[in-house]
Protein backbone atom coordinates (compact mmCIF):
# COMPACT_ATOMS: atom_id res chain seq x y z
CA MET A 1 -38.56 61.60 -13.64
CA SER A 2 -42.21 61.76 -14.46
CA LYS A 3 -43.71 62.27 -18.01
CA ILE A 4 -44.77 66.01 -17.14
CA LYS A 5 -41.32 66.58 -16.39
CA LEU A 6 -39.86 65.19 -19.35
CA ILE A 7 -42.46 66.80 -21.57
CA LEU A 8 -41.61 70.37 -20.00
CA LEU A 9 -37.75 69.71 -20.34
CA SER A 10 -38.77 69.01 -24.27
CA PHE A 11 -40.54 72.14 -24.51
CA VAL A 12 -37.57 73.95 -22.75
CA SER A 13 -35.56 73.02 -25.49
CA GLY A 14 -37.66 74.09 -28.13
CA LEU A 15 -37.85 77.64 -26.04
CA LEU A 16 -34.00 77.62 -26.13
CA LEU A 17 -33.73 77.02 -29.83
CA ALA A 18 -35.99 79.63 -30.42
CA ALA A 19 -34.74 82.30 -28.08
CA SER A 20 -31.23 81.88 -29.94
CA TRP A 21 -32.38 82.25 -33.53
CA PRO A 22 -32.10 85.47 -35.39
CA HIS A 23 -33.73 88.14 -35.70
CA PHE A 24 -34.35 88.83 -31.95
CA GLY A 25 -32.50 85.82 -30.44
CA ILE A 26 -29.45 85.92 -28.35
CA THR A 27 -27.03 83.47 -30.39
CA ALA A 28 -25.00 82.23 -27.40
CA ILE A 29 -28.17 80.39 -26.10
CA ILE A 30 -27.65 77.80 -28.95
CA PHE A 31 -24.73 76.44 -27.41
CA PHE A 32 -26.84 74.86 -24.55
CA ALA A 33 -30.65 74.82 -26.16
CA TRP A 34 -30.12 70.96 -27.10
CA VAL A 35 -29.18 70.19 -23.45
CA PRO A 36 -32.54 69.54 -21.87
CA LEU A 37 -33.82 67.08 -24.88
CA LEU A 38 -30.61 65.30 -24.69
CA ALA A 39 -31.41 64.57 -21.10
CA VAL A 40 -34.81 63.39 -21.88
CA GLU A 41 -33.38 61.29 -24.48
CA GLU A 42 -30.90 59.80 -22.09
CA PHE A 43 -33.38 59.22 -19.13
CA ILE A 44 -36.04 57.52 -21.65
CA SER A 45 -33.02 55.53 -23.02
CA ASP A 46 -32.30 54.27 -19.29
CA HIS A 47 -35.98 53.25 -18.42
CA LYS A 48 -36.92 51.90 -21.79
CA ALA A 49 -39.19 49.60 -20.01
CA ASP A 50 -40.99 52.65 -18.69
CA PHE A 51 -41.49 54.87 -21.67
CA PRO A 52 -42.58 53.51 -25.16
CA GLY A 53 -40.57 54.86 -28.04
CA ALA A 54 -43.57 56.72 -29.32
CA PHE A 55 -43.37 58.98 -26.14
CA LEU A 56 -39.68 59.95 -26.92
CA PHE A 57 -40.84 60.78 -30.59
CA MET A 58 -43.68 63.06 -28.91
CA CYS A 59 -41.09 64.63 -26.54
CA ALA A 60 -38.88 65.48 -29.86
CA TYR A 61 -41.67 66.82 -31.74
CA ILE A 62 -42.53 69.09 -28.96
CA THR A 63 -39.08 70.35 -29.18
CA PHE A 64 -38.95 70.88 -32.95
CA PHE A 65 -42.60 72.25 -33.29
CA THR A 66 -41.81 74.64 -30.52
CA TRP A 67 -38.66 75.99 -32.43
CA ASN A 68 -40.50 75.85 -35.82
CA VAL A 69 -43.68 77.82 -34.80
CA LEU A 70 -41.78 80.52 -32.92
CA THR A 71 -39.12 81.11 -35.59
CA THR A 72 -41.24 80.60 -38.86
CA TRP A 73 -44.78 81.87 -37.69
CA TRP A 74 -44.45 84.39 -40.12
CA ILE A 75 -45.05 82.47 -43.25
CA TRP A 76 -48.76 82.56 -42.05
CA ASN A 77 -48.89 86.20 -43.18
CA ALA A 78 -48.48 84.62 -46.89
CA SER A 79 -50.61 81.51 -46.51
CA GLY A 80 -52.23 79.73 -43.27
CA GLY A 81 -52.16 76.42 -44.97
CA GLY A 82 -48.82 76.75 -46.03
CA ALA A 83 -47.50 77.75 -42.77
CA ALA A 84 -49.19 75.01 -41.19
CA MET A 85 -47.62 72.67 -43.67
CA ALA A 86 -44.18 73.89 -43.30
CA ILE A 87 -44.36 74.06 -39.31
CA LEU A 88 -45.87 70.57 -38.92
CA ALA A 89 -44.12 68.61 -41.52
CA ASN A 90 -40.28 70.22 -40.70
CA ALA A 91 -41.12 69.54 -37.18
CA LEU A 92 -42.00 65.99 -38.12
CA LEU A 93 -38.88 65.35 -40.20
CA MET A 94 -36.62 66.73 -37.43
CA ALA A 95 -38.23 64.40 -34.64
CA THR A 96 -37.96 61.48 -36.88
CA ILE A 97 -34.14 62.29 -37.11
CA PHE A 98 -33.83 62.56 -33.45
CA TYR A 99 -35.83 59.21 -32.99
CA ILE A 100 -33.52 57.42 -35.62
CA PHE A 101 -30.27 58.82 -33.53
CA HIS A 102 -31.84 57.28 -30.03
CA LEU A 103 -32.70 53.96 -31.98
CA ALA A 104 -29.20 53.66 -33.24
CA LYS A 105 -27.42 54.92 -30.00
CA HIS A 106 -29.63 52.29 -27.95
CA ASN A 107 -29.16 49.58 -30.34
CA ILE A 108 -25.24 49.77 -30.68
CA GLN A 109 -25.09 49.96 -26.79
CA LYS A 110 -27.21 47.18 -25.99
CA GLN A 111 -25.21 44.76 -28.19
CA PHE A 112 -21.81 46.46 -27.26
CA PRO A 113 -22.10 47.81 -23.88
CA ALA A 114 -18.52 48.43 -23.80
CA VAL A 115 -18.79 51.28 -26.10
CA ASN A 116 -18.60 54.59 -24.37
CA LYS A 117 -22.23 56.00 -24.33
CA ASN A 118 -20.63 59.52 -24.48
CA LEU A 119 -19.07 58.76 -27.87
CA LEU A 120 -22.31 57.05 -29.19
CA ARG A 121 -24.07 60.69 -28.40
CA LEU A 122 -21.96 62.12 -31.17
CA LEU A 123 -23.87 59.94 -33.65
CA LEU A 124 -26.50 63.07 -33.06
CA ILE A 125 -23.96 65.31 -35.11
CA ALA A 126 -23.63 62.73 -38.08
CA PHE A 127 -27.30 62.06 -38.04
CA TRP A 128 -28.45 65.76 -37.72
CA ILE A 129 -26.24 67.23 -40.45
CA SER A 130 -27.06 64.48 -42.78
CA PHE A 131 -30.54 65.54 -42.22
CA GLU A 132 -29.90 69.28 -42.90
CA PHE A 133 -27.73 68.03 -46.06
CA LEU A 134 -30.62 65.91 -47.58
CA HIS A 135 -33.08 68.65 -46.94
CA LEU A 136 -30.91 71.04 -49.51
CA ASP A 137 -31.85 68.76 -52.45
CA TRP A 138 -35.34 67.12 -52.22
CA ASP A 139 -38.84 67.89 -53.23
CA LEU A 140 -39.49 69.47 -49.73
CA THR A 141 -36.24 71.35 -49.48
CA TYR A 142 -36.58 73.80 -46.30
CA PRO A 143 -33.23 74.38 -44.90
CA TRP A 144 -34.17 77.76 -43.28
CA LEU A 145 -33.75 76.44 -39.86
CA THR A 146 -30.08 74.88 -40.70
CA LEU A 147 -28.20 75.23 -37.31
CA GLY A 148 -25.26 76.89 -38.81
CA ASN A 149 -27.61 79.77 -40.46
CA ILE A 150 -28.04 81.00 -36.53
CA PHE A 151 -24.61 82.95 -36.64
CA SER A 152 -25.83 85.08 -39.49
CA GLU A 153 -26.72 87.49 -36.50
CA THR A 154 -23.06 87.17 -35.08
CA HIS A 155 -21.17 86.84 -38.39
CA THR A 156 -17.97 87.94 -36.77
CA TRP A 157 -17.78 84.62 -34.91
CA ILE A 158 -17.68 82.53 -37.99
CA GLN A 159 -15.70 83.97 -40.48
CA TRP A 160 -13.91 80.61 -40.98
CA TYR A 161 -17.22 79.61 -43.02
CA GLU A 162 -15.10 80.04 -46.24
CA TYR A 163 -13.34 76.85 -45.26
CA THR A 164 -16.47 74.92 -43.59
CA GLY A 165 -19.71 76.65 -44.78
CA VAL A 166 -22.73 76.50 -42.80
CA PHE A 167 -22.17 72.76 -41.61
CA GLY A 168 -19.08 73.94 -40.02
CA GLY A 169 -21.47 75.97 -37.80
CA SER A 170 -24.02 73.29 -37.35
CA LEU A 171 -21.13 71.06 -35.92
CA TRP A 172 -19.81 73.40 -33.67
CA ILE A 173 -23.09 73.92 -32.14
CA LEU A 174 -24.20 70.05 -31.69
CA LEU A 175 -20.55 69.35 -30.48
CA VAL A 176 -20.76 72.03 -27.50
CA ASN A 177 -24.21 70.83 -26.58
CA ILE A 178 -23.20 67.26 -26.22
CA ILE A 179 -20.27 68.37 -24.04
CA ILE A 180 -21.94 70.63 -21.99
CA TYR A 181 -24.35 67.83 -21.43
CA ASN A 182 -21.93 65.32 -20.66
CA LEU A 183 -20.29 67.59 -18.21
CA LEU A 184 -23.49 68.27 -16.38
CA PHE A 185 -24.87 64.98 -16.26
CA GLU A 186 -21.71 62.80 -16.66
CA VAL A 187 -18.94 64.30 -14.49
CA ASP A 188 -18.84 63.66 -10.75
CA LEU A 189 -19.63 67.08 -8.97
CA SER A 190 -18.07 65.80 -5.85
CA VAL A 191 -14.60 65.37 -7.75
CA GLN A 192 -14.10 69.23 -8.20
CA LYS A 193 -10.78 69.02 -9.99
CA LYS A 194 -12.17 66.63 -12.34
CA TYR A 195 -15.21 68.88 -12.95
CA PHE A 196 -13.03 71.92 -13.62
CA ALA A 197 -10.92 69.82 -15.80
CA ASN A 198 -13.80 69.32 -17.90
CA ILE A 199 -14.88 73.00 -18.14
CA ILE A 200 -12.11 73.96 -19.57
CA PRO A 201 -12.03 72.17 -22.95
CA VAL A 202 -15.90 73.37 -23.34
CA VAL A 203 -14.57 77.03 -22.99
CA LEU A 204 -11.92 76.59 -25.09
CA LEU A 205 -14.27 74.89 -27.77
CA ILE A 206 -16.54 77.82 -27.51
CA ILE A 207 -13.94 80.78 -27.49
CA VAL A 208 -10.94 79.60 -29.82
CA PRO A 209 -13.36 79.47 -33.00
CA ILE A 210 -14.55 83.04 -31.95
CA ILE A 211 -10.97 84.09 -31.39
CA ILE A 212 -9.88 82.58 -34.91
CA SER A 213 -12.79 84.30 -36.54
CA LEU A 214 -12.27 87.71 -35.10
CA PHE A 215 -8.49 87.36 -36.21
CA ILE A 216 -9.71 86.85 -39.88
CA TYR A 217 -12.34 89.28 -39.95
CA ASN A 218 -9.82 92.01 -38.84
CA THR A 219 -7.45 90.99 -41.56
CA VAL A 220 -9.35 89.99 -44.57
CA GLU A 221 -10.11 93.09 -46.89
CA ASP A 222 -12.37 93.18 -50.09
CA LYS A 223 -10.58 92.09 -52.99
CA GLY A 224 -10.87 93.02 -56.57
CA GLU A 225 -11.77 95.62 -59.41
CA THR A 226 -14.31 98.11 -58.03
CA LYS A 227 -17.66 98.42 -59.68
CA ASN A 228 -20.43 101.15 -59.13
CA ILE A 229 -23.78 99.61 -58.58
CA ILE A 230 -27.25 101.15 -57.91
CA ALA A 231 -29.98 98.96 -56.19
CA VAL A 232 -33.49 100.04 -56.85
CA GLN A 233 -36.17 99.28 -54.15
CA PRO A 234 -39.52 100.37 -55.86
CA ASN A 235 -42.06 99.33 -52.76
CA VAL A 236 -44.75 97.83 -55.03
CA ASP A 237 -47.39 95.88 -52.69
CA PRO A 238 -47.28 92.37 -53.81
CA TYR A 239 -50.66 91.54 -52.90
CA ASN A 240 -52.37 94.78 -53.98
CA MET A 241 -50.46 96.33 -56.97
CA LYS A 242 -47.89 94.17 -58.23
CA PHE A 243 -49.80 92.03 -60.63
CA ASP A 244 -52.47 94.54 -61.05
CA THR A 245 -50.47 97.36 -62.24
CA PRO A 246 -48.89 97.56 -65.82
CA ALA A 247 -45.59 96.41 -66.05
CA GLU A 248 -44.57 99.66 -67.83
CA ASP A 249 -45.89 101.98 -65.10
CA GLN A 250 -43.90 99.82 -62.71
CA LEU A 251 -40.73 100.14 -64.69
CA LYS A 252 -41.07 103.99 -65.11
CA GLN A 253 -41.54 104.43 -61.31
CA MET A 254 -38.23 102.21 -60.98
CA PHE A 255 -36.46 104.60 -63.40
CA GLN A 256 -37.77 107.40 -61.67
CA LEU A 257 -35.98 106.28 -58.57
CA ALA A 258 -33.01 105.24 -60.44
CA THR A 259 -32.19 108.62 -62.58
CA THR A 260 -31.62 110.44 -59.06
CA LYS A 261 -28.30 108.28 -58.95
CA VAL A 262 -27.20 106.78 -62.41
CA ASN A 263 -24.63 108.56 -64.12
CA SER A 264 -21.90 107.65 -66.98
CA ASN A 265 -19.90 105.72 -64.25
CA THR A 266 -22.69 103.31 -63.29
CA ASP A 267 -21.65 99.95 -64.07
CA TYR A 268 -25.09 98.06 -62.78
CA LEU A 269 -28.51 99.07 -62.16
CA ILE A 270 -30.45 96.24 -60.40
CA PHE A 271 -34.01 95.90 -60.32
CA PRO A 272 -35.64 93.18 -57.58
CA GLU A 273 -37.20 89.68 -58.46
CA THR A 274 -40.36 89.74 -60.72
CA ALA A 275 -39.84 93.75 -61.24
CA ILE A 276 -41.59 93.03 -64.47
CA PRO A 277 -44.53 90.60 -63.80
CA GLU A 278 -46.09 90.06 -67.23
CA GLY A 279 -45.44 86.72 -68.47
CA MET A 280 -42.94 87.52 -71.72
CA TRP A 281 -42.25 85.01 -74.26
CA GLU A 282 -38.54 84.32 -74.52
CA ASP A 283 -38.58 83.88 -78.33
CA GLU A 284 -39.87 87.48 -78.46
CA LEU A 285 -37.95 89.26 -75.85
CA GLU A 286 -36.85 91.70 -78.49
CA LYS A 287 -40.17 93.20 -79.09
CA GLU A 288 -41.39 93.11 -75.54
CA PRO A 289 -42.73 96.49 -74.72
CA SER A 290 -41.11 96.49 -71.15
CA LEU A 291 -37.83 95.44 -72.46
CA LEU A 292 -38.14 98.31 -75.26
CA ILE A 293 -38.38 100.93 -72.49
CA ILE A 294 -35.21 99.66 -70.88
CA LYS A 295 -33.11 99.42 -73.84
CA ASP A 296 -34.30 103.04 -74.64
CA PHE A 297 -32.90 104.03 -71.22
CA LEU A 298 -29.86 102.34 -71.84
CA LYS A 299 -29.17 104.35 -75.02
CA GLN A 300 -28.24 107.14 -72.66
CA PHE A 301 -25.50 105.09 -70.75
CA PRO A 302 -23.01 103.02 -72.86
CA LYS A 303 -21.36 101.62 -69.87
CA LEU A 304 -24.64 100.34 -67.97
CA LYS A 305 -25.95 97.01 -67.51
CA ILE A 306 -29.57 96.49 -66.05
CA ILE A 307 -30.21 93.33 -64.27
CA THR A 308 -34.10 92.88 -63.48
CA GLY A 309 -36.19 90.19 -62.14
CA ALA A 310 -38.93 89.19 -64.53
CA THR A 311 -41.64 86.29 -65.10
CA THR A 312 -41.04 84.59 -68.62
CA ARG A 313 -42.41 81.70 -70.84
CA LYS A 314 -41.19 79.16 -73.01
CA GLU A 315 -43.09 77.61 -75.90
CA TYR A 316 -43.02 73.97 -76.88
CA ARG A 317 -44.78 73.10 -80.32
CA ALA A 318 -47.24 70.26 -80.48
CA ASP A 319 -44.52 68.10 -81.77
CA GLU A 320 -41.92 68.84 -78.96
CA LYS A 321 -41.41 67.13 -76.16
CA GLY A 322 -41.89 69.62 -73.14
CA SER A 323 -40.40 69.52 -69.77
CA ALA A 324 -41.77 67.81 -66.91
CA THR A 325 -43.18 71.06 -65.56
CA ALA A 326 -44.59 72.10 -68.77
CA ARG A 327 -48.09 73.19 -68.84
CA LYS A 328 -50.56 72.50 -71.48
CA PHE A 329 -52.26 75.35 -73.33
CA LYS A 330 -56.03 75.60 -72.18
CA ASP A 331 -57.24 76.34 -76.02
CA SER A 332 -54.48 75.07 -78.30
CA ASP A 333 -52.11 72.17 -78.59
CA GLY A 334 -48.40 72.40 -77.35
CA SER A 335 -47.34 73.29 -73.81
CA TYR A 336 -44.88 76.04 -72.27
CA ASP A 337 -42.82 76.65 -69.30
CA GLU A 338 -43.16 79.46 -66.96
CA TYR A 339 -39.89 80.65 -65.17
CA ASN A 340 -39.01 83.29 -62.41
CA THR A 341 -36.12 84.98 -64.33
CA ALA A 342 -33.54 87.23 -64.10
CA LEU A 343 -32.29 89.05 -67.29
CA GLN A 344 -29.28 91.30 -67.92
CA LEU A 345 -29.51 93.86 -70.72
CA ASP A 346 -26.81 96.10 -72.13
CA SER A 347 -26.71 99.13 -74.72
CA SER A 348 -25.67 96.76 -77.27
CA GLY A 349 -29.11 95.10 -77.21
CA ASN A 350 -27.78 91.74 -75.74
CA ILE A 351 -30.33 90.14 -73.57
CA GLN A 352 -29.14 87.31 -70.95
CA VAL A 353 -31.18 84.72 -69.38
CA TYR A 354 -31.04 82.91 -66.00
CA HIS A 355 -33.99 80.92 -64.41
CA LYS A 356 -34.37 80.52 -60.97
CA SER A 357 -33.86 76.62 -60.14
CA LYS A 358 -33.96 76.35 -56.18
CA LEU A 359 -37.87 76.87 -56.02
CA VAL A 360 -40.04 77.49 -53.02
CA PRO A 361 -41.91 74.03 -52.36
CA GLY A 362 -45.58 74.59 -52.69
CA VAL A 363 -45.37 77.98 -54.18
CA GLU A 364 -43.14 77.72 -57.32
CA LYS A 365 -42.72 73.80 -57.36
CA MET A 366 -45.18 71.02 -56.67
CA PRO A 367 -43.60 68.32 -54.56
CA PHE A 368 -43.45 64.84 -55.77
CA PRO A 369 -45.39 66.04 -59.17
CA SER A 370 -46.03 62.39 -59.99
CA VAL A 371 -48.09 62.12 -56.93
CA PHE A 372 -49.66 65.55 -56.50
CA LYS A 373 -49.46 66.99 -60.31
CA TYR A 374 -53.44 66.77 -60.17
CA ILE A 375 -53.74 69.46 -57.13
CA GLU A 376 -50.97 71.72 -58.75
CA LYS A 377 -53.43 74.45 -59.49
CA PHE A 378 -53.76 75.14 -55.90
CA ALA A 379 -50.24 76.29 -55.27
CA ILE A 380 -49.91 79.38 -53.57
CA ASP A 381 -49.35 82.06 -56.24
CA LEU A 382 -46.40 84.28 -54.72
CA GLY A 383 -44.35 86.43 -57.26
CA GLY A 384 -47.02 85.84 -60.08
CA THR A 385 -45.46 82.59 -60.86
CA GLY A 386 -47.64 79.87 -58.84
CA GLY A 387 -47.81 76.21 -59.78
CA SER A 388 -44.49 74.38 -60.92
CA LEU A 389 -42.14 76.53 -62.52
CA GLY A 390 -39.27 75.65 -65.15
CA VAL A 391 -35.73 75.45 -64.13
CA GLN A 392 -32.42 74.88 -65.80
CA ASP A 393 -29.39 72.93 -64.77
CA GLU A 394 -26.51 75.09 -64.99
CA ARG A 395 -25.94 77.82 -62.48
CA SER A 396 -25.13 80.18 -65.45
CA VAL A 397 -23.59 83.72 -65.08
CA LEU A 398 -24.61 87.09 -66.49
CA ASN A 399 -21.38 88.15 -68.44
CA SER A 400 -20.55 91.98 -69.19
CA LEU A 401 -19.45 92.46 -72.67
CA ASN A 402 -16.97 95.25 -72.05
CA ASP A 403 -14.85 93.76 -69.37
CA ASN A 404 -14.44 90.68 -67.29
CA THR A 405 -17.22 91.23 -64.73
CA LYS A 406 -19.86 87.93 -64.40
CA ILE A 407 -22.61 88.26 -61.92
CA ALA A 408 -24.42 85.56 -59.88
CA PRO A 409 -27.80 86.38 -60.48
CA VAL A 410 -29.18 84.86 -57.15
CA ILE A 411 -33.04 84.81 -57.09
CA CYS A 412 -34.89 84.84 -53.78
CA TYR A 413 -34.84 81.64 -51.78
CA GLU A 414 -31.75 80.43 -53.58
CA SER A 415 -29.69 82.58 -51.24
CA ILE A 416 -30.02 80.32 -48.59
CA TYR A 417 -28.22 77.58 -50.46
CA GLY A 418 -24.47 77.82 -49.68
CA GLU A 419 -22.99 75.17 -52.02
CA TYR A 420 -25.49 76.16 -54.86
CA VAL A 421 -24.16 79.86 -54.79
CA GLY A 422 -20.73 78.43 -54.88
CA ASP A 423 -21.72 76.72 -58.29
CA TYR A 424 -22.29 80.34 -59.48
CA ILE A 425 -18.57 81.18 -58.44
CA ASN A 426 -17.30 77.78 -59.76
CA ASN A 427 -18.68 78.96 -63.33
CA GLY A 428 -17.15 82.12 -63.05
CA ALA A 429 -18.86 84.55 -61.21
CA ASN A 430 -16.93 87.24 -59.38
CA ALA A 431 -19.81 89.20 -57.60
CA ILE A 432 -23.16 87.98 -56.37
CA PHE A 433 -26.70 89.98 -57.06
CA ILE A 434 -29.70 88.87 -54.79
CA ILE A 435 -32.91 89.95 -56.25
CA THR A 436 -36.06 89.14 -54.02
CA ASN A 437 -39.44 90.21 -53.24
CA ASP A 438 -39.76 89.83 -49.35
CA GLY A 439 -43.14 91.76 -49.34
CA TRP A 440 -45.11 88.56 -48.64
CA TRP A 441 -44.46 88.24 -44.79
CA GLY A 442 -45.12 91.45 -43.81
CA ASP A 443 -42.96 93.42 -41.31
CA THR A 444 -41.97 90.20 -39.50
CA PRO A 445 -38.67 88.42 -38.78
CA GLY A 446 -38.80 86.58 -42.24
CA TYR A 447 -37.81 89.20 -44.29
CA LYS A 448 -34.74 89.77 -41.63
CA GLN A 449 -33.70 86.53 -41.45
CA HIS A 450 -33.70 86.17 -45.14
CA LEU A 451 -31.35 89.42 -45.41
CA ARG A 452 -28.85 87.89 -42.81
CA TYR A 453 -28.51 84.68 -44.47
CA GLY A 454 -27.04 86.46 -47.36
CA ARG A 455 -24.05 87.53 -45.70
CA LEU A 456 -23.34 83.87 -44.99
CA ARG A 457 -22.65 83.47 -48.89
CA ALA A 458 -20.58 86.74 -48.94
CA ILE A 459 -18.25 84.87 -46.33
CA GLU A 460 -18.35 81.51 -47.61
CA THR A 461 -17.59 82.99 -51.14
CA ARG A 462 -15.56 86.00 -50.17
CA LYS A 463 -17.65 87.71 -52.90
CA SER A 464 -19.32 91.28 -52.63
CA ILE A 465 -23.38 91.30 -52.68
CA ALA A 466 -25.64 93.97 -53.83
CA ARG A 467 -29.16 93.20 -52.82
CA SER A 468 -32.65 94.53 -54.36
CA ALA A 469 -35.70 93.81 -52.63
CA ASN A 470 -39.01 95.06 -53.80
CA THR A 471 -40.01 95.87 -50.19
CA GLY A 472 -36.79 96.00 -48.52
CA ILE A 473 -34.17 95.38 -47.24
CA SER A 474 -31.99 96.41 -50.33
CA CYS A 475 -28.38 96.82 -49.38
CA PHE A 476 -24.46 96.19 -50.33
CA ILE A 477 -22.73 93.33 -48.11
CA ASP A 478 -18.93 93.09 -48.27
CA GLN A 479 -16.91 90.07 -48.31
CA ARG A 480 -16.66 90.02 -44.57
CA GLY A 481 -20.46 89.90 -44.25
CA ASP A 482 -20.79 93.54 -43.02
CA ILE A 483 -24.07 95.11 -44.35
CA SER A 484 -24.12 98.84 -45.55
CA GLN A 485 -26.64 101.30 -46.92
CA ALA A 486 -29.64 99.14 -45.60
CA THR A 487 -32.76 100.55 -46.76
CA ASN A 488 -35.77 100.85 -44.47
CA TRP A 489 -38.84 98.47 -45.06
CA TRP A 490 -41.78 99.06 -46.97
CA GLU A 491 -40.43 102.59 -48.42
CA PRO A 492 -39.26 103.52 -52.06
CA ALA A 493 -35.68 103.72 -51.99
CA VAL A 494 -32.39 103.62 -54.02
CA ILE A 495 -28.95 103.29 -53.12
CA GLU A 496 -25.70 103.56 -54.70
CA GLY A 497 -22.41 101.84 -53.57
CA GLU A 498 -19.25 100.53 -54.89
CA ILE A 499 -18.35 96.63 -54.47
CA LYS A 500 -15.29 94.79 -55.42
CA VAL A 501 -15.37 91.89 -57.82
CA ASN A 502 -12.84 88.95 -57.91
CA ASP A 503 -11.93 85.69 -59.28
CA TYR A 504 -10.89 84.17 -55.69
CA LYS A 505 -12.32 80.75 -54.91
CA THR A 506 -12.53 80.03 -51.33
CA PHE A 507 -11.76 76.42 -49.91
CA TYR A 508 -15.42 76.31 -49.37
CA THR A 509 -16.19 77.28 -52.82
CA ILE A 510 -14.22 74.36 -54.30
CA HIS A 511 -14.97 71.64 -51.86
CA GLY A 512 -18.52 72.25 -51.13
CA ASP A 513 -20.35 70.73 -48.40
CA TYR A 514 -17.55 68.29 -47.85
CA ILE A 515 -18.14 67.96 -43.86
CA ALA A 516 -21.96 67.04 -44.67
CA ARG A 517 -20.87 64.44 -47.18
CA PHE A 518 -18.48 62.87 -44.83
CA LEU A 519 -21.13 62.67 -41.93
CA PHE A 520 -23.69 61.37 -44.17
CA ALA A 521 -21.26 58.41 -44.99
CA VAL A 522 -20.81 58.10 -41.34
CA SER A 523 -24.59 57.96 -40.57
CA ILE A 524 -24.92 55.23 -43.15
CA ILE A 525 -22.27 53.00 -41.36
CA ALA A 526 -24.03 53.68 -37.78
CA ILE A 527 -27.25 52.94 -39.26
CA ALA A 528 -25.88 49.62 -40.67
CA ALA A 529 -24.08 48.91 -37.31
CA ALA A 530 -27.13 49.45 -35.36
CA LEU A 531 -29.17 47.02 -37.59
CA ILE A 532 -26.55 44.38 -37.43
CA SER A 533 -26.61 44.99 -33.76
CA LYS A 534 -30.30 44.34 -33.53
CA ILE A 535 -29.92 41.09 -35.59
CA LEU A 536 -27.01 39.88 -33.60
CA PHE A 537 -28.96 40.36 -30.43
CA LYS A 538 -31.94 38.36 -31.78
CA LEU A 539 -29.86 35.61 -33.21
CA LYS A 540 -28.41 35.16 -29.46
CA LYS A 541 -31.94 34.68 -28.08
CA ILE A 542 -32.74 32.00 -30.47
């Protein structure tokens, strides 16, 4: 096979991966999207003398660059430089992981030729899911393209995520691709009975999980006590109005929308991320004009709680040690942290605070601050909170003072982290509110993908979700992942609905990303085995 053909096959894999992705893709394509790249890897592995390792790396990079650029190009609407960095860097990481898989497979097979190479191909599952797992929790965290996210478009196929989380989906996809590759390239087509005997397990591997999921989907019901929720979508242009219009004027606009629905039976009113964009000092929240407007509104409705996004700040005196993200005052001693915050206010005057803690790299957090802190001032300013923001250690919940309702205040990017959202539930949350902006990307697949990823959290935790997005899409998501009352993009809107709150904990909520942790351990063992194999091979030559 020529280099041109190998490059074309790699490109085809990238096209297939992109063609399967939400919002515009056909999900079933994902079950064979990896096959061309696996064929490239196997051919190069069998003809090692003719192809340097760098060529395989290039082929893998072509696949993953194609996938990244066709599915996340919309980042460009917010920042050309940010899009370039995200796409190029993420493709580089993916290609590196695939190349590590190739090296480990090749070295083990070279030293132990009796080991079945079809079995060694399964190492891809361990390495890839380990990569996805590690990508959840480091300074360049970017799990947007975690393979298991793809089923957010066909959520009736993966109701068993309440047991496995998204990594169950990643495992399913990779396993099917490897078996299909083996079927196409390792089975002797001349032996017809053998060929069809191999088709049956592949069909069952695809169909049985879907059947199980459909059974769960049709039997599970929303659990818990009913709460009346109103979500507001103010539709404030994040580029031209959001941070140039007084916060009080924006609040009045949101209350004008809210008053068309709010009544004495309403339990919660939700405003989106950074609905109050001014930087409010947390030790003076009681005096803030914007919050006084909210408190005045709450006097009319004793039962009501309002949850809103805001930008807040915490000051450290000159004799206090600030956090790692603290910023120096320009004209005085001391420092302060700035936060992307969720606030809950009720008629008693109580104010509860949560700080967003899964921050967008390069936007809300400068990666590797000890290295790049000096360029922090150039971070993209999205949400009025550019630069490295402060965070909090715990996934604290917002408590109702008149009943047992406890809300998980999930802010924007946080909603794509499964185990992270599960931490709110383990801390007592019995419903999830997602507040987001989503206006930065324009009318592109970006905000649509973000919405659909949220429904995976509903399935994993079996918790109802209310979503308030500044420019859309606002909606309600039930405990099966069904979306209702979805608003239109770029229109002011207000929706009213009922959700169920419950204290039930799913297997996944309790155990988290156990699949990924197990496969990470397998990956460490495989890398150790590959290194030992290489050392033993060199010793034999001496």
